[in-house]
Amino acid sequence: MSPLVIANIVLTVVVVLYAVGLFIYLLKTRYKFVQLGKKVEFDESVQERIRYLMVNVFGQNKLLKDPKSGLIHVMFFYGFLMVQLGAIDLIWKGLVPGSHLPLGMFYGVFTFFQELVVLMILVAVVWAFYRRYVEKLVRLKRGWKNGLVLIFIGGLMLSTLLANGMGLIWHGEGLTYTEPVASSIAAIFSFLPTSAAATVFYIAWWAHLLILLTFLIYVPQSKHFHLIVSPINVYMNRLDRTGTLTPIDFEALEEAGENAESEDDIPSIGVGRIQDFTQKQMLDLYSCVECGRCTNMCPATGTGKMLSPMDLIVKLRDHLTFTGAVVTKQKPWVPYQFFANTKGNQLAMAAGAEGAVIEDIYSPSLIGDVITEEEIWACTTCRNCEDQCPVMNEHVDKIIDLRRYLTMTEGKVNSDAQRAMTNIERQGNPWGLNRKEKENWRDLDPTINIPTVKELKKSGEEMEYLLWVGSMGAFDNRSQKIALAFCRLMNEAGVKFAILGNKEKNSGDTPRRLGNEFLFQELATANIDEFEKNDVKKIVTIDPHAYNIFKNEYQDFGWKGEVYHHTELLNQLIEENRLVLNYEVEETIVFHDSCYLGRYNDVYDAPREILRGIPGVKLVEMERNRETAMCCGAGGGLMWMEEHVGNRINVARTEQALATNASVISSGCPYCLTMLEDGTKAKEVEDTISTFDVAELLERSVFGEKVKTVADNVDELTEEMLEEVVASVDSQEQDKNEELNAEK
C-alpha cells in the first residue's frame, strides 16, 4: 500500500472521527434541552406504534396530501436512503483504490440502480429549487439557509457521478452499461491521462466526503434535525382521541406547591415558562421541518391575524435552545470557532462564568417577549395545522397550555371571553340567561314530544338516548329550529329520548378551550354526576363541541358511554327504514364540515349520505372540504370574541361556499350555521342563499314543506313589532318637527 493511500486513510479517519464527535455532542445537547421539560407518561402500544411509524414515515402518508411537494420529498427520502450504500461504495473506492463493495454478480445491478436514483434526486433538487425560488410558494421560506441543503444534496449527487466517471478512466475499466452516466462522463473526458483522472477522482471524492460530514454536523443545528427526531416523534404520537387536552391535576399541584422549597419550585397552572412544557411537546419543536403546511391552512393566518402555527413552533424551538444553553451551559452551535459570536454560544459562555445568575443572562417572558397574547388568542383550535403536519406536531395543546397560564395564573383574558365564562359559571350559558328557562324552547312547538328525564320516568318508559341540547339549541332562536327539527324526526322514527331540561349545565368546551380548566372540571364533574344519577348510557347532540368533549374528554373524569352526533343517528335511522324520505328538496347544497365533527372525530360521511339520499338534492363541494375544510371561526371560544384584526374568518369561509353556486349552505353544527348565516349577511346574499342544518333539510324531505312552528311565528311577530316601533318613532319625530316649525 503506497504512502499516499496510507496518508489518505489516516486523514479520512481523523476527519470522520472529528465530525462524528461533533455530531454526538450536538445530539447530547439537544437531548439535555428536551430533558428540561416535564416528564410525560408514555403508552407503550408497540405494534400499533410501529404500524403508525411505517405508514407516516416510510409511507409518507401526510406529505402526499400535497402531491407536488409530497412527490419531491418521497424522491429525496427514498433516494437518500438508497444512495447511502453508494456513498459507502465510493468511500471504499477512495480508501482501497481499484476495488469496490464485494457484492459479486449483483454489483452491476447495484451501480445501475444507484445512477437512476442519483438522477432522480437531481431532478428533485431542481424541482424543489423551482418551487421555492421561482414559483415562490407562500408557505416556503427563502434565503441562503433554506437553499443550503439543496446545494448539499446536489453536490453529493454530482460528486458521486464525477468520481465514478474519473474512476473508470483511472483504472482503465472502459465503458459499461451498468454505469451509463459515469461512462458518459468518462467518454467526454477520455483525453485525460490516468494521473489526471486520479487527481480529479480524489478532488470529487473529498468533496463528497466533506459535504457528507458537513451535512451530518449541520443536521442537528438546523430544521433538518427532523431527519433524526421526527421518526421518534411520530412513534411517540398519541394513537387515539386525537386533539384531546391533558387534564390538570389540581390536587397534585396544590400538594407540590405546599412542599416547594423555593418560589421557583412552585408549579404553575398552564405554561408560563418553556420548562413547563412536557418533553414530548419539546420534541415537537425539534421535529418541525418548517414546511409551512400548517400556516398555509391556518384560518387565522389566512385572514390576516398575528398567528402563524409554523412561526409559533419555530419561536418556541429557538427559545428552548437559548434557555437550554443557559441552564445546561452547553454551546448549541459547533464548530465553536466558527460560531463563537452566535447568541446561543455567548449565552452558554456567560452562564458558565463564575457567579453567573441565569435570570440576569437570559430571562425573556415566554408570553409577551417570545409569543404574543394576540397570537395565543387568534387560534380557533380547528387542528387544520395538525392534520397537515407531516411530523405529527401538535400545535393546539401548546396554545391551550399558554391560555391556561394567562387565564388561571395571570387573569389576562379577553373581556368578551371572560364575560362568557362568568355567565357559564353563574347561569350555565354564555349569555347569562336564566338557567331555569333552559327547557322552555320545547314549548315553541307543542306538537313535538320532548320529555325531560323526570317526565319520561314518571310515564314508566325507558330512555334510550339523552338529548344534549346545549346552550345554542336551548337559547339561540336560530338553533332552536335545529333542535325542534331533530326532535320531530326522532318522534317519527320512534326513538325514546329525553332531555335534562333545566338540569342541563354547560358541556364545558368553551371554558376549557379558553384556558379555564378549573371551571371545565367543575362542569364535567357535575354533568357526570347527573349522567350517573339518570343512568345515561347514550348521548346524542346537535353540538359537535359537546359531542367531542363527551366522547373523548369526559373519559379522563370517569364517564364512559356512547356518544352520537345527530347526523350519525339520523343516518342510522334512514338505513333502518325508520325514516322515509318522501318529498323532493330541489336545492343545490354545499356542506360545510365542522372542525370538531370532522378533523377531531372523522365524521365526514354521515351528513353527506343523508344529503345525497334526499330526492332532488344536488350535493356540491367547496375546494376545501372534509380534512382540509376551513374553520368557520367559532372554535376555541372565539364564538364569543369579536375579530378586530384582518378579515373575518366566517366571511372568508362563506366566500368559499358562494364560489360553488349552491342555493343552500348546510352544516351539522349550530355554531357553524350561525357564523355562515352571518357571513351571507355580510356578503348581502342572505335573500338568495339559505343556510340550513342537515336535520332541517331532512325534515323537509320526510314531512314535506315544514309547518310553521311557534318559533317561526315569533320571528315574524318580532319583525312586525319592529316595523311598528320604527313607524311610531318616525311619527313622533315628524310631530316634533312640525311643532318646531310652528314655533319658528
Foldseek 3Di string as FASTA:
>chain_A
DDPVLVVVVVVLVVVLVVLVVLLVLLVVLLVLLLVLAAADDFDCPPVVLVVLLCCQPVVVPLLCVPVLRSVLVNLVVVLVVLCVQVLVQLVVCSNPPPDGPPPPPCVLVSLLVNLVSLVSNLVSLVSVCCVCPPVNDVLDDDDDVVNVVSVLSNLLSVLSLLLLLLSCLLVVVAADPSNPSSNVNVVVVVVDHNVVSVVSNVVSSVSNSVSVSVCSSVCSVDLNVLVVLLSVLSSRFDDDLPPAADADDVVVLVVQQVPDPDPVSRDAQFDWDLRHHHSSLLSLLSNHNSSRQLQVQALCNVQFFPARLSLLSPLSNVRSLQLSCLVVLRQNDPPCVVVVPPNSNVNSVQSPDPPRDSCVRDDDTCDPRRHDPRRLVSHQSLCLSQSSDSSNRDRLNNSLSVLLRCVVPVVDADPLLVQQLVLLLPAQGRVVPHLLQQQVLCVQFVVFDAAALVVCVVVVDDAPEEEQEARCCRPPLVNVVVVRLLRNLCVLLVHHYYYNRSLDHHCLLQCSLSNNSVSNVVNLVSVVVVCVVSVHAEYEYLALSSQSCLDRPSVVVPDHHHYYYSLVVVLVSVVVVSFDQADADQWEEEEAEASSCAVSPNPDVSLVVLQVPHHNYHYDYFPQHGSSGHHLQPHSNRLRPDDDGGDHSNLVNLVSVVVVVTQEYEYSHSSNQVSVCVNCVVVVNCVRHYYYYSSVVSSCRRPNDDDDTSSNVVVVVVVVVVVVVVVVVVVVVVVVVVVVVVVD
